[in-house]
Amino acid sequence: MLKLLGAIVIVVGSSGLGFSLSQELIYRHKELKRLKRWLLYLHSQIRYQNTNLAAAFYDVASKADNLFGEFFEQVSKQMQQFDGDEFSVIWKRQIEKSFAKSHMKKEDKEKLGNLGDTLGCLDKQMQLDTLDYYIEQLDLDIVQASENIKNNTKLYRSLGVMGGILITLIIV
């Protein structure tokens, strides 16, 4: 009876791990799509409303959801404080704080950080071109994340279940 209970716990635990890993892929894909949406909104604020970066970030923050809203709001507030930090420093610091518990990969955060290196120190047209380039790169990452979901979701789930069964058979 105790062996059966242990076997069930192992299979359920490893299955949960497989499902958790597959959900991580799905959440990353959703976050990248949401990031693209808000960067496109930022792009339109700069191009058509002719607002400066701090005001554009604040406007995006007022419309965005929790994760991205907090990020853009904090960047806007820190830009308006004029405490002597460069924009790229503010941008990267806020990426580390706001996206610490996000589902984005380290590479995603580094690419987003690199956007801040050029975004804050250019004229309007160069800012728009930089955003366009980053959004194109983000499109490629979204496509790749979608392919990863297609290819690996079933794999992770199956390996979780089968791994639990294998461990159970080895132990029993």
N, C-alpha and C. Protein backbone atom coordinates (compact mmCIF):
# COMPACT_ATOMS: atom_id res chain seq x y z
N MET A 1 0.82 -1.19 0.00
CA MET A 1 0.00 0.00 0.00
C MET A 1 0.87 1.26 0.00
N LEU A 2 1.92 1.26 0.81
CA LEU A 2 2.81 2.40 0.88
C LEU A 2 3.60 2.58 -0.41
N LYS A 3 3.97 1.45 -1.04
CA LYS A 3 4.68 1.51 -2.32
C LYS A 3 3.79 2.10 -3.41
N LEU A 4 2.53 1.73 -3.40
CA LEU A 4 1.59 2.25 -4.39
C LEU A 4 1.42 3.75 -4.22
N LEU A 5 1.28 4.18 -2.98
CA LEU A 5 1.15 5.61 -2.71
C LEU A 5 2.41 6.37 -3.14
N GLY A 6 3.57 5.83 -2.87
CA GLY A 6 4.83 6.44 -3.29
C GLY A 6 4.94 6.50 -4.80
N ALA A 7 4.52 5.43 -5.47
CA ALA A 7 4.56 5.40 -6.94
C ALA A 7 3.64 6.47 -7.53
N ILE A 8 2.47 6.62 -6.95
CA ILE A 8 1.53 7.64 -7.43
C ILE A 8 2.10 9.04 -7.24
N VAL A 9 2.72 9.27 -6.09
CA VAL A 9 3.32 10.59 -5.82
C VAL A 9 4.44 10.88 -6.83
N ILE A 10 5.26 9.90 -7.14
CA ILE A 10 6.36 10.10 -8.09
C ILE A 10 5.82 10.41 -9.48
N VAL A 11 4.84 9.64 -9.94
CA VAL A 11 4.28 9.86 -11.28
C VAL A 11 3.59 11.22 -11.36
N VAL A 12 2.83 11.55 -10.34
CA VAL A 12 2.13 12.85 -10.34
C VAL A 12 3.15 14.00 -10.28
N GLY A 13 4.18 13.86 -9.47
CA GLY A 13 5.19 14.91 -9.36
C GLY A 13 5.96 15.13 -10.65
N SER A 14 6.38 14.05 -11.26
CA SER A 14 7.14 14.21 -12.51
C SER A 14 6.23 14.67 -13.65
N SER A 15 4.98 14.25 -13.63
CA SER A 15 4.03 14.75 -14.63
C SER A 15 3.81 16.25 -14.44
N GLY A 16 3.70 16.67 -13.21
CA GLY A 16 3.54 18.10 -12.92
C GLY A 16 4.73 18.90 -13.39
N LEU A 17 5.93 18.34 -13.25
CA LEU A 17 7.13 19.01 -13.73
C LEU A 17 7.09 19.17 -15.25
N GLY A 18 6.69 18.13 -15.95
CA GLY A 18 6.58 18.20 -17.41
C GLY A 18 5.55 19.22 -17.86
N PHE A 19 4.41 19.24 -17.20
CA PHE A 19 3.37 20.22 -17.54
C PHE A 19 3.83 21.65 -17.19
N SER A 20 4.57 21.79 -16.11
CA SER A 20 5.08 23.10 -15.72
C SER A 20 6.08 23.63 -16.75
N LEU A 21 6.95 22.77 -17.23
CA LEU A 21 7.92 23.20 -18.25
C LEU A 21 7.23 23.58 -19.55
N SER A 22 6.18 22.85 -19.91
CA SER A 22 5.46 23.20 -21.14
C SER A 22 4.69 24.52 -20.97
N GLN A 23 4.17 24.76 -19.79
CA GLN A 23 3.47 26.03 -19.53
C GLN A 23 4.44 27.20 -19.58
N GLU A 24 5.67 26.98 -19.15
CA GLU A 24 6.69 28.04 -19.20
C GLU A 24 6.89 28.53 -20.63
N LEU A 25 6.90 27.60 -21.59
CA LEU A 25 7.03 27.98 -23.00
C LEU A 25 5.85 28.83 -23.45
N ILE A 26 4.68 28.46 -23.04
CA ILE A 26 3.46 29.17 -23.43
C ILE A 26 3.45 30.58 -22.82
N TYR A 27 3.81 30.69 -21.54
CA TYR A 27 3.82 31.99 -20.89
C TYR A 27 4.86 32.93 -21.51
N ARG A 28 6.02 32.40 -21.88
CA ARG A 28 7.05 33.22 -22.53
C ARG A 28 6.52 33.77 -23.85
N HIS A 29 5.88 32.92 -24.62
CA HIS A 29 5.32 33.34 -25.90
C HIS A 29 4.31 34.47 -25.70
N LYS A 30 3.44 34.33 -24.72
CA LYS A 30 2.45 35.37 -24.44
C LYS A 30 3.10 36.68 -24.01
N GLU A 31 4.14 36.59 -23.17
CA GLU A 31 4.81 37.81 -22.72
C GLU A 31 5.52 38.53 -23.87
N LEU A 32 6.12 37.76 -24.77
CA LEU A 32 6.78 38.39 -25.92
C LEU A 32 5.76 39.09 -26.81
N LYS A 33 4.59 38.48 -26.99
CA LYS A 33 3.55 39.12 -27.80
C LYS A 33 3.02 40.38 -27.13
N ARG A 34 2.88 40.34 -25.80
CA ARG A 34 2.43 41.54 -25.08
C ARG A 34 3.49 42.63 -25.14
N LEU A 35 4.76 42.26 -25.05
CA LEU A 35 5.83 43.25 -25.16
C LEU A 35 5.79 43.91 -26.53
N LYS A 36 5.59 43.13 -27.56
CA LYS A 36 5.51 43.69 -28.91
C LYS A 36 4.34 44.68 -29.00
N ARG A 37 3.22 44.30 -28.43
CA ARG A 37 2.04 45.17 -28.47
C ARG A 37 2.33 46.52 -27.84
N TRP A 38 2.98 46.53 -26.67
CA TRP A 38 3.23 47.78 -25.98
C TRP A 38 4.35 48.59 -26.63
N LEU A 39 5.29 47.91 -27.26
CA LEU A 39 6.33 48.65 -27.99
C LEU A 39 5.76 49.28 -29.25
N LEU A 40 4.81 48.62 -29.89
CA LEU A 40 4.13 49.22 -31.04
C LEU A 40 3.33 50.44 -30.60
N TYR A 41 2.70 50.34 -29.44
CA TYR A 41 1.96 51.48 -28.89
C TYR A 41 2.92 52.62 -28.58
N LEU A 42 4.08 52.30 -28.00
CA LEU A 42 5.10 53.32 -27.73
C LEU A 42 5.56 53.97 -29.03
N HIS A 43 5.76 53.16 -30.04
CA HIS A 43 6.16 53.65 -31.36
C HIS A 43 5.15 54.66 -31.89
N SER A 44 3.88 54.32 -31.78
CA SER A 44 2.85 55.24 -32.28
C SER A 44 2.76 56.51 -31.45
N GLN A 45 3.01 56.40 -30.15
CA GLN A 45 3.02 57.61 -29.30
C GLN A 45 4.13 58.57 -29.72
N ILE A 46 5.29 58.01 -30.02
CA ILE A 46 6.40 58.86 -30.42
C ILE A 46 6.16 59.44 -31.80
N ARG A 47 5.68 58.63 -32.73
CA ARG A 47 5.52 59.08 -34.12
C ARG A 47 4.34 60.03 -34.28
N TYR A 48 3.17 59.65 -33.80
CA TYR A 48 1.96 60.41 -34.14
C TYR A 48 1.57 61.43 -33.08
N GLN A 49 1.85 61.16 -31.83
CA GLN A 49 1.52 62.12 -30.77
C GLN A 49 2.67 63.09 -30.53
N ASN A 50 3.85 62.74 -31.08
CA ASN A 50 5.04 63.58 -30.97
C ASN A 50 5.39 63.86 -29.51
N THR A 51 5.26 62.85 -28.65
CA THR A 51 5.57 63.02 -27.24
C THR A 51 7.02 62.62 -26.98
N ASN A 52 7.58 63.16 -25.90
CA ASN A 52 8.93 62.76 -25.51
C ASN A 52 8.87 61.37 -24.87
N LEU A 53 10.03 60.78 -24.64
CA LEU A 53 10.06 59.41 -24.15
C LEU A 53 9.39 59.25 -22.79
N ALA A 54 9.67 60.14 -21.86
CA ALA A 54 9.10 60.00 -20.52
C ALA A 54 7.58 60.04 -20.57
N ALA A 55 7.01 60.97 -21.32
CA ALA A 55 5.56 61.06 -21.44
C ALA A 55 4.99 59.86 -22.19
N ALA A 56 5.70 59.39 -23.21
CA ALA A 56 5.25 58.22 -23.96
C ALA A 56 5.25 56.97 -23.07
N PHE A 57 6.30 56.83 -22.26
CA PHE A 57 6.35 55.69 -21.34
C PHE A 57 5.20 55.75 -20.34
N TYR A 58 4.92 56.95 -19.83
CA TYR A 58 3.83 57.09 -18.88
C TYR A 58 2.49 56.75 -19.51
N ASP A 59 2.29 57.16 -20.76
CA ASP A 59 1.05 56.85 -21.44
C ASP A 59 0.91 55.35 -21.68
N VAL A 60 2.00 54.70 -22.07
CA VAL A 60 1.97 53.24 -22.24
C VAL A 60 1.66 52.58 -20.91
N ALA A 61 2.27 53.06 -19.83
CA ALA A 61 2.06 52.48 -18.50
C ALA A 61 0.60 52.58 -18.08
N SER A 62 -0.07 53.65 -18.45
CA SER A 62 -1.48 53.82 -18.06
C SER A 62 -2.39 52.84 -18.79
N LYS A 63 -1.95 52.35 -19.93
CA LYS A 63 -2.77 51.42 -20.71
C LYS A 63 -2.36 49.95 -20.52
N ALA A 64 -1.11 49.72 -20.15
CA ALA A 64 -0.57 48.36 -20.11
C ALA A 64 -1.03 47.60 -18.87
N ASP A 65 -0.86 46.29 -18.94
CA ASP A 65 -1.19 45.42 -17.81
C ASP A 65 -0.11 45.52 -16.73
N ASN A 66 -0.25 44.71 -15.68
CA ASN A 66 0.61 44.83 -14.50
C ASN A 66 2.10 44.77 -14.80
N LEU A 67 2.55 43.73 -15.46
CA LEU A 67 3.98 43.53 -15.68
C LEU A 67 4.59 44.67 -16.49
N PHE A 68 4.02 44.96 -17.63
CA PHE A 68 4.57 45.99 -18.50
C PHE A 68 4.18 47.39 -18.04
N GLY A 69 3.02 47.52 -17.43
CA GLY A 69 2.61 48.81 -16.90
C GLY A 69 3.56 49.29 -15.82
N GLU A 70 3.93 48.39 -14.92
CA GLU A 70 4.87 48.75 -13.86
C GLU A 70 6.23 49.13 -14.44
N PHE A 71 6.67 48.38 -15.42
CA PHE A 71 7.97 48.65 -16.04
C PHE A 71 8.00 50.04 -16.66
N PHE A 72 7.05 50.35 -17.52
CA PHE A 72 7.05 51.64 -18.20
C PHE A 72 6.80 52.80 -17.23
N GLU A 73 5.97 52.56 -16.22
CA GLU A 73 5.71 53.61 -15.23
C GLU A 73 6.98 53.95 -14.45
N GLN A 74 7.70 52.94 -14.01
CA GLN A 74 8.92 53.18 -13.23
C GLN A 74 10.01 53.85 -14.08
N VAL A 75 10.13 53.44 -15.33
CA VAL A 75 11.10 54.10 -16.21
C VAL A 75 10.73 55.56 -16.38
N SER A 76 9.47 55.85 -16.59
CA SER A 76 9.02 57.23 -16.75
C SER A 76 9.30 58.06 -15.49
N LYS A 77 8.98 57.51 -14.34
CA LYS A 77 9.21 58.24 -13.09
C LYS A 77 10.69 58.52 -12.87
N GLN A 78 11.53 57.52 -13.14
CA GLN A 78 12.97 57.72 -12.92
C GLN A 78 13.55 58.71 -13.93
N MET A 79 13.00 58.75 -15.13
CA MET A 79 13.47 59.73 -16.12
C MET A 79 13.10 61.15 -15.69
N GLN A 80 11.94 61.31 -15.07
CA GLN A 80 11.48 62.64 -14.68
C GLN A 80 12.15 63.14 -13.40
N GLN A 81 12.81 62.24 -12.66
CA GLN A 81 13.48 62.65 -11.42
C GLN A 81 14.79 63.38 -11.68
N PHE A 82 15.38 63.18 -12.83
CA PHE A 82 16.64 63.83 -13.20
C PHE A 82 17.72 63.64 -12.12
N ASP A 83 17.93 62.38 -11.71
CA ASP A 83 18.92 62.12 -10.67
C ASP A 83 20.31 61.85 -11.22
N GLY A 84 20.52 62.11 -12.50
CA GLY A 84 21.85 62.01 -13.08
C GLY A 84 22.16 60.69 -13.77
N ASP A 85 21.28 59.72 -13.67
CA ASP A 85 21.52 58.44 -14.33
C ASP A 85 21.22 58.54 -15.82
N GLU A 86 22.01 57.86 -16.60
CA GLU A 86 21.75 57.80 -18.03
C GLU A 86 20.51 56.95 -18.28
N PHE A 87 19.89 57.17 -19.42
CA PHE A 87 18.68 56.42 -19.75
C PHE A 87 18.95 54.92 -19.80
N SER A 88 20.06 54.53 -20.39
CA SER A 88 20.36 53.10 -20.51
C SER A 88 20.49 52.43 -19.15
N VAL A 89 21.03 53.14 -18.17
CA VAL A 89 21.17 52.60 -16.81
C VAL A 89 19.79 52.43 -16.17
N ILE A 90 18.96 53.45 -16.32
CA ILE A 90 17.59 53.38 -15.78
C ILE A 90 16.84 52.22 -16.42
N TRP A 91 16.94 52.12 -17.74
CA TRP A 91 16.24 51.09 -18.52
C TRP A 91 16.64 49.69 -18.06
N LYS A 92 17.94 49.44 -17.98
CA LYS A 92 18.43 48.10 -17.61
C LYS A 92 18.12 47.77 -16.16
N ARG A 93 18.24 48.74 -15.28
CA ARG A 93 17.92 48.52 -13.86
C ARG A 93 16.46 48.13 -13.70
N GLN A 94 15.60 48.82 -14.45
CA GLN A 94 14.18 48.53 -14.34
C GLN A 94 13.83 47.18 -14.97
N ILE A 95 14.54 46.79 -16.01
CA ILE A 95 14.33 45.46 -16.60
C ILE A 95 14.62 44.39 -15.55
N GLU A 96 15.72 44.55 -14.83
CA GLU A 96 16.07 43.57 -13.80
C GLU A 96 15.01 43.51 -12.71
N LYS A 97 14.49 44.66 -12.30
CA LYS A 97 13.49 44.69 -11.23
C LYS A 97 12.14 44.16 -11.71
N SER A 98 11.65 44.70 -12.80
CA SER A 98 10.28 44.40 -13.24
C SER A 98 10.14 43.00 -13.80
N PHE A 99 11.16 42.52 -14.50
CA PHE A 99 11.04 41.23 -15.17
C PHE A 99 11.79 40.11 -14.46
N ALA A 100 12.08 40.31 -13.18
CA ALA A 100 12.79 39.28 -12.42
C ALA A 100 11.97 37.99 -12.35
N LYS A 101 10.67 38.12 -12.24
CA LYS A 101 9.82 36.93 -12.12
C LYS A 101 9.00 36.67 -13.38
N SER A 102 9.43 37.25 -14.48
CA SER A 102 8.71 37.01 -15.72
C SER A 102 9.16 35.69 -16.32
N HIS A 103 8.54 35.30 -17.39
CA HIS A 103 8.85 34.04 -18.05
C HIS A 103 9.80 34.21 -19.22
N MET A 104 10.28 35.44 -19.42
CA MET A 104 11.21 35.69 -20.51
C MET A 104 12.57 35.08 -20.19
N LYS A 105 13.26 34.65 -21.24
CA LYS A 105 14.60 34.11 -21.07
C LYS A 105 15.59 35.24 -20.81
N LYS A 106 16.76 34.85 -20.37
CA LYS A 106 17.82 35.82 -20.14
C LYS A 106 18.17 36.57 -21.43
N GLU A 107 18.16 35.85 -22.55
CA GLU A 107 18.47 36.47 -23.85
C GLU A 107 17.43 37.52 -24.22
N ASP A 108 16.16 37.24 -23.90
CA ASP A 108 15.10 38.21 -24.18
C ASP A 108 15.34 39.50 -23.41
N LYS A 109 15.72 39.35 -22.15
CA LYS A 109 15.96 40.52 -21.31
C LYS A 109 17.20 41.28 -21.79
N GLU A 110 18.21 40.56 -22.24
CA GLU A 110 19.42 41.22 -22.75
C GLU A 110 19.11 42.01 -24.02
N LYS A 111 18.31 41.44 -24.91
CA LYS A 111 17.94 42.16 -26.13
C LYS A 111 17.13 43.41 -25.79
N LEU A 112 16.22 43.28 -24.84
CA LEU A 112 15.44 44.43 -24.41
C LEU A 112 16.34 45.48 -23.77
N GLY A 113 17.33 45.03 -23.01
CA GLY A 113 18.29 45.96 -22.42
C GLY A 113 19.10 46.69 -23.47
N ASN A 114 19.45 45.99 -24.54
CA ASN A 114 20.21 46.62 -25.62
C ASN A 114 19.38 47.70 -26.32
N LEU A 115 18.09 47.54 -26.33
CA LEU A 115 17.23 48.58 -26.90
C LEU A 115 17.41 49.89 -26.14
N GLY A 116 17.55 49.80 -24.84
CA GLY A 116 17.74 51.00 -24.02
C GLY A 116 19.05 51.70 -24.26
N ASP A 117 20.05 50.97 -24.78
CA ASP A 117 21.34 51.60 -25.06
C ASP A 117 21.23 52.66 -26.15
N THR A 118 20.34 52.44 -27.10
CA THR A 118 20.23 53.37 -28.22
C THR A 118 18.96 54.21 -28.18
N LEU A 119 17.96 53.78 -27.46
CA LEU A 119 16.67 54.46 -27.50
C LEU A 119 16.71 55.86 -26.89
N GLY A 120 17.40 56.02 -25.79
CA GLY A 120 17.32 57.28 -25.06
C GLY A 120 18.21 58.39 -25.56
N CYS A 121 19.14 58.10 -26.45
CA CYS A 121 20.11 59.14 -26.81
C CYS A 121 20.03 59.56 -28.28
N LEU A 122 18.95 59.27 -28.94
CA LEU A 122 18.83 59.56 -30.36
C LEU A 122 17.71 60.56 -30.62
N ASP A 123 17.67 61.08 -31.84
CA ASP A 123 16.56 61.96 -32.21
C ASP A 123 15.32 61.11 -32.50
N LYS A 124 14.24 61.78 -32.77
CA LYS A 124 12.95 61.10 -32.94
C LYS A 124 13.00 60.03 -34.03
N GLN A 125 13.52 60.34 -35.20
CA GLN A 125 13.54 59.38 -36.30
C GLN A 125 14.40 58.17 -35.98
N MET A 126 15.52 58.39 -35.33
CA MET A 126 16.39 57.27 -34.96
C MET A 126 15.74 56.41 -33.89
N GLN A 127 15.00 57.03 -32.97
CA GLN A 127 14.26 56.25 -31.98
C GLN A 127 13.23 55.36 -32.65
N LEU A 128 12.53 55.91 -33.62
CA LEU A 128 11.52 55.13 -34.34
C LEU A 128 12.17 53.99 -35.12
N ASP A 129 13.30 54.28 -35.77
CA ASP A 129 14.01 53.24 -36.52
C ASP A 129 14.53 52.14 -35.58
N THR A 130 15.02 52.55 -34.42
CA THR A 130 15.50 51.58 -33.43
C THR A 130 14.36 50.70 -32.94
N LEU A 131 13.21 51.31 -32.67
CA LEU A 131 12.04 50.53 -32.25
C LEU A 131 11.60 49.58 -33.36
N ASP A 132 11.61 50.06 -34.60
CA ASP A 132 11.23 49.20 -35.73
C ASP A 132 12.15 47.98 -35.82
N TYR A 133 13.44 48.23 -35.69
CA TYR A 133 14.41 47.13 -35.76
C TYR A 133 14.19 46.13 -34.62
N TYR A 134 13.99 46.64 -33.40
CA TYR A 134 13.78 45.74 -32.27
C TYR A 134 12.48 44.95 -32.44
N ILE A 135 11.45 45.59 -32.94
CA ILE A 135 10.17 44.90 -33.13
C ILE A 135 10.31 43.80 -34.18
N GLU A 136 11.11 44.04 -35.21
CA GLU A 136 11.37 42.98 -36.20
C GLU A 136 12.08 41.80 -35.55
N GLN A 137 13.06 42.09 -34.71
CA GLN A 137 13.76 41.02 -34.00
C GLN A 137 12.82 40.29 -33.05
N LEU A 138 11.93 41.04 -32.43
CA LEU A 138 10.96 40.45 -31.52
C LEU A 138 9.99 39.54 -32.27
N ASP A 139 9.63 39.93 -33.50
CA ASP A 139 8.79 39.07 -34.34
C ASP A 139 9.46 37.72 -34.57
N LEU A 140 10.75 37.74 -34.84
CA LEU A 140 11.48 36.49 -35.05
C LEU A 140 11.49 35.64 -33.78
N ASP A 141 11.67 36.29 -32.63
CA ASP A 141 11.65 35.56 -31.36
C ASP A 141 10.27 34.97 -31.08
N ILE A 142 9.23 35.69 -31.45
CA ILE A 142 7.87 35.19 -31.25
C ILE A 142 7.61 33.97 -32.13
N VAL A 143 8.06 34.03 -33.37
CA VAL A 143 7.91 32.88 -34.27
C VAL A 143 8.67 31.67 -33.72
N GLN A 144 9.88 31.92 -33.25
CA GLN A 144 10.68 30.84 -32.69
C GLN A 144 10.03 30.26 -31.43
N ALA A 145 9.49 31.13 -30.58
CA ALA A 145 8.80 30.66 -29.38
C ALA A 145 7.58 29.84 -29.74
N SER A 146 6.87 30.25 -30.79
CA SER A 146 5.71 29.50 -31.25
C SER A 146 6.11 28.11 -31.75
N GLU A 147 7.22 28.04 -32.47
CA GLU A 147 7.72 26.75 -32.93
C GLU A 147 8.15 25.87 -31.77
N ASN A 148 8.77 26.48 -30.75
CA ASN A 148 9.15 25.72 -29.56
C ASN A 148 7.93 25.15 -28.85
N ILE A 149 6.87 25.91 -28.81
CA ILE A 149 5.63 25.41 -28.20
C ILE A 149 5.13 24.20 -28.98
N LYS A 150 5.10 24.36 -30.29
CA LYS A 150 4.61 23.29 -31.14
C LYS A 150 5.45 22.02 -31.00
N ASN A 151 6.76 22.19 -30.94
CA ASN A 151 7.67 21.04 -30.92
C ASN A 151 7.88 20.44 -29.54
N ASN A 152 7.87 21.25 -28.51
CA ASN A 152 8.32 20.76 -27.21
C ASN A 152 7.23 20.58 -26.16
N THR A 153 6.06 21.15 -26.35
CA THR A 153 5.02 21.03 -25.32
C THR A 153 4.65 19.57 -25.09
N LYS A 154 4.32 18.85 -26.12
CA LYS A 154 3.95 17.44 -25.98
C LYS A 154 5.13 16.63 -25.47
N LEU A 155 6.33 16.99 -25.92
CA LEU A 155 7.53 16.28 -25.49
C LEU A 155 7.72 16.41 -23.98
N TYR A 156 7.64 17.63 -23.45
CA TYR A 156 7.83 17.83 -22.01
C TYR A 156 6.77 17.09 -21.20
N ARG A 157 5.55 17.17 -21.65
CA ARG A 157 4.47 16.49 -20.92
C ARG A 157 4.65 14.98 -20.95
N SER A 158 4.98 14.45 -22.11
CA SER A 158 5.18 13.00 -22.23
C SER A 158 6.38 12.54 -21.42
N LEU A 159 7.47 13.30 -21.49
CA LEU A 159 8.65 12.93 -20.72
C LEU A 159 8.39 12.99 -19.22
N GLY A 160 7.58 13.92 -18.80
CA GLY A 160 7.24 13.99 -17.38
C GLY A 160 6.50 12.75 -16.93
N VAL A 161 5.50 12.35 -17.69
CA VAL A 161 4.72 11.16 -17.33
C VAL A 161 5.58 9.90 -17.45
N MET A 162 6.26 9.76 -18.57
CA MET A 162 7.07 8.55 -18.78
C MET A 162 8.25 8.48 -17.80
N GLY A 163 8.85 9.64 -17.49
CA GLY A 163 9.94 9.65 -16.53
C GLY A 163 9.47 9.20 -15.16
N GLY A 164 8.27 9.65 -14.77
CA GLY A 164 7.72 9.21 -13.49
C GLY A 164 7.45 7.73 -13.45
N ILE A 165 6.92 7.21 -14.54
CA ILE A 165 6.67 5.76 -14.62
C ILE A 165 8.00 5.00 -14.58
N LEU A 166 9.00 5.47 -15.29
CA LEU A 166 10.30 4.81 -15.30
C LEU A 166 10.93 4.80 -13.92
N ILE A 167 10.91 5.94 -13.24
CA ILE A 167 11.45 6.01 -11.88
C ILE A 167 10.71 5.06 -10.95
N THR A 168 9.40 5.01 -11.10
CA THR A 168 8.59 4.11 -10.27
C THR A 168 8.99 2.66 -10.53
N LEU A 169 9.16 2.29 -11.80
CA LEU A 169 9.53 0.92 -12.11
C LEU A 169 10.92 0.57 -11.57
N ILE A 170 11.83 1.52 -11.63
CA ILE A 170 13.19 1.28 -11.13
C ILE A 170 13.18 1.12 -9.59
N ILE A 171 12.42 1.94 -8.92
CA ILE A 171 12.36 1.89 -7.45
C ILE A 171 11.64 0.63 -6.99
N VAL A 172 10.54 0.30 -7.63
CA VAL A 172 9.75 -0.88 -7.21
C VAL A 172 10.42 -2.09 -7.79
